[in-house]
Structure formats: C-alpha cells, structure tokens
C-alpha cells in the first residue's frame, strides 16, 4: 500500500501559522501581563497591523509595573494619514487608570520610517501626557517591511 500524498495550499498554511502566532502574541499582551521585551511588542504590532489597508493609531495602556491594562485601536485614517487627538489618548489612559503608554501606528505604504509629522505628534503626546503624570514609553511605526521604535531611535 502506498500512502497518498496530500497537497497543502502554501498560502493557507501560512495563514494558519500567522493566526497561531497572533494568538500567542495576543496572550503575551493580555491584561495583567508585563511587557518586558520590546521585540515581542514589535512582533505583535507587525502581525496585527502590517497588512491593514488604512492607517491605524492605537495605544497599549500600562500600569506602574508595565503590565498591560488594555490595547486599543484609537483612530482609523486613510491610506497615508490618521487624525490623532492627544486629548482622546489622554482620556482613554485616565479611564484605564494607566501610568504609562506605548503608542503605535502603521504605514500602509510599507515604509516604516517615521515622518516629521510622526515625530511632532510623538513630542506633543509626550508633553501633554506628562502634565497628567502619564509616561509615554515608546511610539512604534509599523509596516509590512519592518518597524521603528522612536525610543530606540532617541526621538522620544
């Protein structure tokens, strides 16, 4: 008897692997889990946002021990921009009783390089959140090709 060879669709198999990876990374970013490695957060954000067709801006809200309180998409934009309101970011942080935040957004263009507008927004957010004793720990710019941490770049 010969064993039948079963054809597996490579794209379907990749989709299953990506779905499983997202499950694992989502569990690592679940409420109460400490964020200890920027690379895990980077991988989670890339899997979650990299293929989105429009720009999404969101935040991971953290307690005083950098444990996740919530991870939310806050604003949805167009293919190359999202209008971000610092007031809304601060309101959500206060509603979650957060002590710190990591913000993120994607670049559907595939280029993760932060724009000058991204840098200005980061500084505005940091300054505004500091007035409320909230720490902005990082701002990730994510694309299918890679991601950039503004903290690692010294922009924050």
C-alpha atoms as a PDB file:
ATOM      1  CA  UNK A   1       0.000   0.000   0.000  1.00  0.00           C
ATOM      2  CA  UNK A   2       1.276   3.432  -0.806  1.00  0.00           C
ATOM      3  CA  UNK A   3       0.497   6.457   1.275  1.00  0.00           C
ATOM      4  CA  UNK A   4      -1.470   9.156  -0.506  1.00  0.00           C
ATOM      5  CA  UNK A   5       0.322  12.449  -0.822  1.00  0.00           C
ATOM      6  CA  UNK A   6      -1.842  15.289   0.377  1.00  0.00           C
ATOM      7  CA  UNK A   7      -1.365  18.667  -1.268  1.00  0.00           C
ATOM      8  CA  UNK A   8      -1.291  21.590   1.136  1.00  0.00           C
ATOM      9  CA  UNK A   9      -2.019  25.108  -0.077  1.00  0.00           C
ATOM     10  CA  UNK A  10       1.076  27.138   0.972  1.00  0.00           C
ATOM     11  CA  UNK A  11      -0.937  30.338   1.469  1.00  0.00           C
ATOM     12  CA  UNK A  12      -3.464  28.543   3.695  1.00  0.00           C
ATOM     13  CA  UNK A  13      -0.641  27.032   5.715  1.00  0.00           C
ATOM     14  CA  UNK A  14       0.998  30.449   6.127  1.00  0.00           C
ATOM     15  CA  UNK A  15      -2.345  31.924   7.236  1.00  0.00           C
ATOM     16  CA  UNK A  16      -2.635  29.210   9.918  1.00  0.00           C
ATOM     17  CA  UNK A  17       0.901  29.951  11.148  1.00  0.00           C
ATOM     18  CA  UNK A  18       0.206  33.702  11.268  1.00  0.00           C
ATOM     19  CA  UNK A  19      -3.074  33.118  13.125  1.00  0.00           C
ATOM     20  CA  UNK A  20      -1.287  30.925  15.674  1.00  0.00           C
ATOM     21  CA  UNK A  21       1.493  33.499  16.122  1.00  0.00           C
ATOM     22  CA  UNK A  22      -1.111  36.211  16.716  1.00  0.00           C
ATOM     23  CA  UNK A  23      -2.817  34.021  19.334  1.00  0.00           C
ATOM     24  CA  UNK A  24       0.482  33.588  21.185  1.00  0.00           C
ATOM     25  CA  UNK A  25       1.450  37.261  20.960  1.00  0.00           C
ATOM     26  CA  UNK A  26      -2.051  38.369  21.978  1.00  0.00           C
ATOM     27  CA  UNK A  27      -1.826  36.126  25.042  1.00  0.00           C
ATOM     28  CA  UNK A  28       1.525  37.771  25.899  1.00  0.00           C
ATOM     29  CA  UNK A  29      -0.186  41.176  25.639  1.00  0.00           C
ATOM     30  CA  UNK A  30      -3.221  40.155  27.675  1.00  0.00           C
ATOM     31  CA  UNK A  31      -4.414  42.204  30.618  1.00  0.00           C
ATOM     32  CA  UNK A  32      -2.057  41.825  33.563  1.00  0.00           C
ATOM     33  CA  UNK A  33       0.929  40.569  31.573  1.00  0.00           C
ATOM     34  CA  UNK A  34       4.125  42.622  31.987  1.00  0.00           C
ATOM     35  CA  UNK A  35       5.763  43.952  28.833  1.00  0.00           C
ATOM     36  CA  UNK A  36       9.400  43.089  29.265  1.00  0.00           C
ATOM     37  CA  UNK A  37      10.738  42.800  25.719  1.00  0.00           C
ATOM     38  CA  UNK A  38      10.286  45.459  23.030  1.00  0.00           C
ATOM     39  CA  UNK A  39      10.842  42.817  20.349  1.00  0.00           C
ATOM     40  CA  UNK A  40       7.735  40.892  21.457  1.00  0.00           C
ATOM     41  CA  UNK A  41       5.650  44.078  21.268  1.00  0.00           C
ATOM     42  CA  UNK A  42       7.176  44.901  17.891  1.00  0.00           C
ATOM     43  CA  UNK A  43       6.314  41.429  16.539  1.00  0.00           C
ATOM     44  CA  UNK A  44       2.770  41.637  17.902  1.00  0.00           C
ATOM     45  CA  UNK A  45       2.156  45.042  16.336  1.00  0.00           C
ATOM     46  CA  UNK A  46       3.627  43.984  12.985  1.00  0.00           C
ATOM     47  CA  UNK A  47       1.439  40.890  12.783  1.00  0.00           C
ATOM     48  CA  UNK A  48      -1.624  42.838  13.892  1.00  0.00           C
ATOM     49  CA  UNK A  49      -1.207  45.969  11.753  1.00  0.00           C
ATOM     50  CA  UNK A  50       1.250  45.463   8.906  1.00  0.00           C
ATOM     51  CA  UNK A  51      -1.256  44.408   6.264  1.00  0.00           C
ATOM     52  CA  UNK A  52      -4.022  46.852   7.199  1.00  0.00           C
ATOM     53  CA  UNK A  53      -5.087  48.967   4.174  1.00  0.00           C
ATOM     54  CA  UNK A  54      -5.520  52.193   6.135  1.00  0.00           C
ATOM     55  CA  UNK A  55      -3.564  53.901   8.883  1.00  0.00           C
ATOM     56  CA  UNK A  56      -4.472  52.822  12.420  1.00  0.00           C
ATOM     57  CA  UNK A  57      -3.278  54.636  15.552  1.00  0.00           C
ATOM     58  CA  UNK A  58      -3.566  52.956  18.921  1.00  0.00           C
ATOM     59  CA  UNK A  59      -2.125  52.545  22.382  1.00  0.00           C
ATOM     60  CA  UNK A  60      -1.125  49.893  24.865  1.00  0.00           C
ATOM     61  CA  UNK A  61      -2.066  51.162  28.315  1.00  0.00           C
ATOM     62  CA  UNK A  62       0.169  50.009  31.178  1.00  0.00           C
ATOM     63  CA  UNK A  63       0.122  50.123  34.964  1.00  0.00           C
ATOM     64  CA  UNK A  64       3.025  51.193  37.193  1.00  0.00           C
ATOM     65  CA  UNK A  65       4.712  47.787  36.728  1.00  0.00           C
ATOM     66  CA  UNK A  66       4.347  47.931  32.912  1.00  0.00           C
ATOM     67  CA  UNK A  67       1.614  45.301  32.974  1.00  0.00           C
ATOM     68  CA  UNK A  68      -0.933  45.563  30.188  1.00  0.00           C
ATOM     69  CA  UNK A  69      -4.238  47.148  31.139  1.00  0.00           C
ATOM     70  CA  UNK A  70      -5.596  47.340  27.589  1.00  0.00           C
ATOM     71  CA  UNK A  71      -4.552  47.536  23.959  1.00  0.00           C
ATOM     72  CA  UNK A  72      -6.817  49.623  21.747  1.00  0.00           C
ATOM     73  CA  UNK A  73      -7.114  50.999  18.264  1.00  0.00           C
ATOM     74  CA  UNK A  74      -7.993  54.642  18.863  1.00  0.00           C
ATOM     75  CA  UNK A  75      -8.114  56.234  15.400  1.00  0.00           C
ATOM     76  CA  UNK A  76      -8.575  54.966  11.859  1.00  0.00           C
ATOM     77  CA  UNK A  77      -7.454  57.062   8.936  1.00  0.00           C
ATOM     78  CA  UNK A  78      -6.813  56.861   5.225  1.00  0.00           C
ATOM     79  CA  UNK A  79      -4.070  55.165   3.243  1.00  0.00           C
ATOM     80  CA  UNK A  80      -1.499  57.717   4.357  1.00  0.00           C
ATOM     81  CA  UNK A  81      -2.736  59.520   7.467  1.00  0.00           C
ATOM     82  CA  UNK A  82      -4.817  59.280  10.612  1.00  0.00           C
ATOM     83  CA  UNK A  83      -6.031  62.263  12.583  1.00  0.00           C
ATOM     84  CA  UNK A  84      -4.862  61.771  16.188  1.00  0.00           C
ATOM     85  CA  UNK A  85      -6.289  63.781  19.069  1.00  0.00           C
ATOM     86  CA  UNK A  86      -3.975  63.835  22.126  1.00  0.00           C
ATOM     87  CA  UNK A  87      -6.974  64.703  24.314  1.00  0.00           C
ATOM     88  CA  UNK A  88      -8.648  61.390  23.410  1.00  0.00           C
ATOM     89  CA  UNK A  89      -5.425  59.450  24.045  1.00  0.00           C
ATOM     90  CA  UNK A  90      -5.174  61.052  27.499  1.00  0.00           C
ATOM     91  CA  UNK A  91      -8.866  60.410  28.254  1.00  0.00           C
ATOM     92  CA  UNK A  92      -8.516  56.702  27.434  1.00  0.00           C
ATOM     93  CA  UNK A  93      -5.342  56.456  29.532  1.00  0.00           C
ATOM     94  CA  UNK A  94      -7.118  58.012  32.502  1.00  0.00           C
ATOM     95  CA  UNK A  95     -10.165  55.772  32.020  1.00  0.00           C
ATOM     96  CA  UNK A  96      -7.861  52.750  32.206  1.00  0.00           C
ATOM     97  CA  UNK A  97      -6.043  54.263  35.208  1.00  0.00           C
ATOM     98  CA  UNK A  98      -2.819  53.849  33.242  1.00  0.00           C
ATOM     99  CA  UNK A  99       0.577  55.033  34.423  1.00  0.00           C
ATOM    100  CA  UNK A 100       2.282  54.635  31.055  1.00  0.00           C
ATOM    101  CA  UNK A 101       1.562  54.106  27.376  1.00  0.00           C
ATOM    102  CA  UNK A 102       3.124  52.707  24.265  1.00  0.00           C
ATOM    103  CA  UNK A 103       1.528  54.193  21.175  1.00  0.00           C
ATOM    104  CA  UNK A 104       1.693  52.784  17.685  1.00  0.00           C
ATOM    105  CA  UNK A 105       0.554  53.295  14.148  1.00  0.00           C
ATOM    106  CA  UNK A 106       1.052  51.604  10.833  1.00  0.00           C
ATOM    107  CA  UNK A 107       2.228  52.851   7.466  1.00  0.00           C
ATOM    108  CA  UNK A 108       0.228  51.008   4.778  1.00  0.00           C
ATOM    109  CA  UNK A 109       2.818  52.184   2.229  1.00  0.00           C
ATOM    110  CA  UNK A 110       5.190  49.534   3.562  1.00  0.00           C
ATOM    111  CA  UNK A 111       7.821  52.058   4.699  1.00  0.00           C
ATOM    112  CA  UNK A 112       8.192  52.172   8.486  1.00  0.00           C
ATOM    113  CA  UNK A 113      10.367  55.282   8.565  1.00  0.00           C
ATOM    114  CA  UNK A 114       8.730  57.908  10.845  1.00  0.00           C
ATOM    115  CA  UNK A 115       7.726  61.118   9.116  1.00  0.00           C
ATOM    116  CA  UNK A 116       8.374  64.566  10.528  1.00  0.00           C
ATOM    117  CA  UNK A 117       4.654  64.696  11.392  1.00  0.00           C
ATOM    118  CA  UNK A 118       5.040  61.407  13.328  1.00  0.00           C
ATOM    119  CA  UNK A 119       7.917  62.892  15.316  1.00  0.00           C
ATOM    120  CA  UNK A 120       5.953  66.094  16.059  1.00  0.00           C
ATOM    121  CA  UNK A 121       2.937  64.082  17.211  1.00  0.00           C
ATOM    122  CA  UNK A 122       5.152  61.985  19.471  1.00  0.00           C
ATOM    123  CA  UNK A 123       6.561  65.094  21.159  1.00  0.00           C
ATOM    124  CA  UNK A 124       3.078  66.633  21.526  1.00  0.00           C
ATOM    125  CA  UNK A 125       1.769  63.427  23.093  1.00  0.00           C
ATOM    126  CA  UNK A 126       4.733  63.088  25.429  1.00  0.00           C
ATOM    127  CA  UNK A 127       4.466  66.704  26.615  1.00  0.00           C
ATOM    128  CA  UNK A 128       0.694  66.546  27.068  1.00  0.00           C
ATOM    129  CA  UNK A 129       0.712  63.203  28.856  1.00  0.00           C
ATOM    130  CA  UNK A 130       3.483  64.344  31.227  1.00  0.00           C
ATOM    131  CA  UNK A 131       1.132  67.052  32.516  1.00  0.00           C
ATOM    132  CA  UNK A 132      -1.133  64.235  33.706  1.00  0.00           C
ATOM    133  CA  UNK A 133       1.728  62.149  35.172  1.00  0.00           C
ATOM    134  CA  UNK A 134       1.479  59.665  32.321  1.00  0.00           C
ATOM    135  CA  UNK A 135       4.691  58.330  30.772  1.00  0.00           C
ATOM    136  CA  UNK A 136       4.966  57.776  27.033  1.00  0.00           C
ATOM    137  CA  UNK A 137       7.409  54.863  26.800  1.00  0.00           C
ATOM    138  CA  UNK A 138       7.543  54.390  23.051  1.00  0.00           C
ATOM    139  CA  UNK A 139       5.927  55.058  19.692  1.00  0.00           C
ATOM    140  CA  UNK A 140       6.189  52.233  17.172  1.00  0.00           C
ATOM    141  CA  UNK A 141       5.755  52.826  13.452  1.00  0.00           C
ATOM    142  CA  UNK A 142       4.872  49.524  11.814  1.00  0.00           C
ATOM    143  CA  UNK A 143       4.773  48.299   8.221  1.00  0.00           C
ATOM    144  CA  UNK A 144       4.927  45.009   6.375  1.00  0.00           C
ATOM    145  CA  UNK A 145       8.644  45.634   5.755  1.00  0.00           C
ATOM    146  CA  UNK A 146       9.630  46.385   9.357  1.00  0.00           C
ATOM    147  CA  UNK A 147       9.052  48.607  12.338  1.00  0.00           C
ATOM    148  CA  UNK A 148      10.730  51.518  14.054  1.00  0.00           C
ATOM    149  CA  UNK A 149      10.819  52.273  17.759  1.00  0.00           C
ATOM    150  CA  UNK A 150      11.096  56.005  18.351  1.00  0.00           C
ATOM    151  CA  UNK A 151      12.512  55.341  21.819  1.00  0.00           C
ATOM    152  CA  UNK A 152      15.311  53.219  20.343  1.00  0.00           C
ATOM    153  CA  UNK A 153      15.977  55.976  17.819  1.00  0.00           C
ATOM    154  CA  UNK A 154      16.257  58.582  20.583  1.00  0.00           C
ATOM    155  CA  UNK A 155      13.288  60.564  19.254  1.00  0.00           C
ATOM    156  CA  UNK A 156      11.320  60.107  22.455  1.00  0.00           C
END
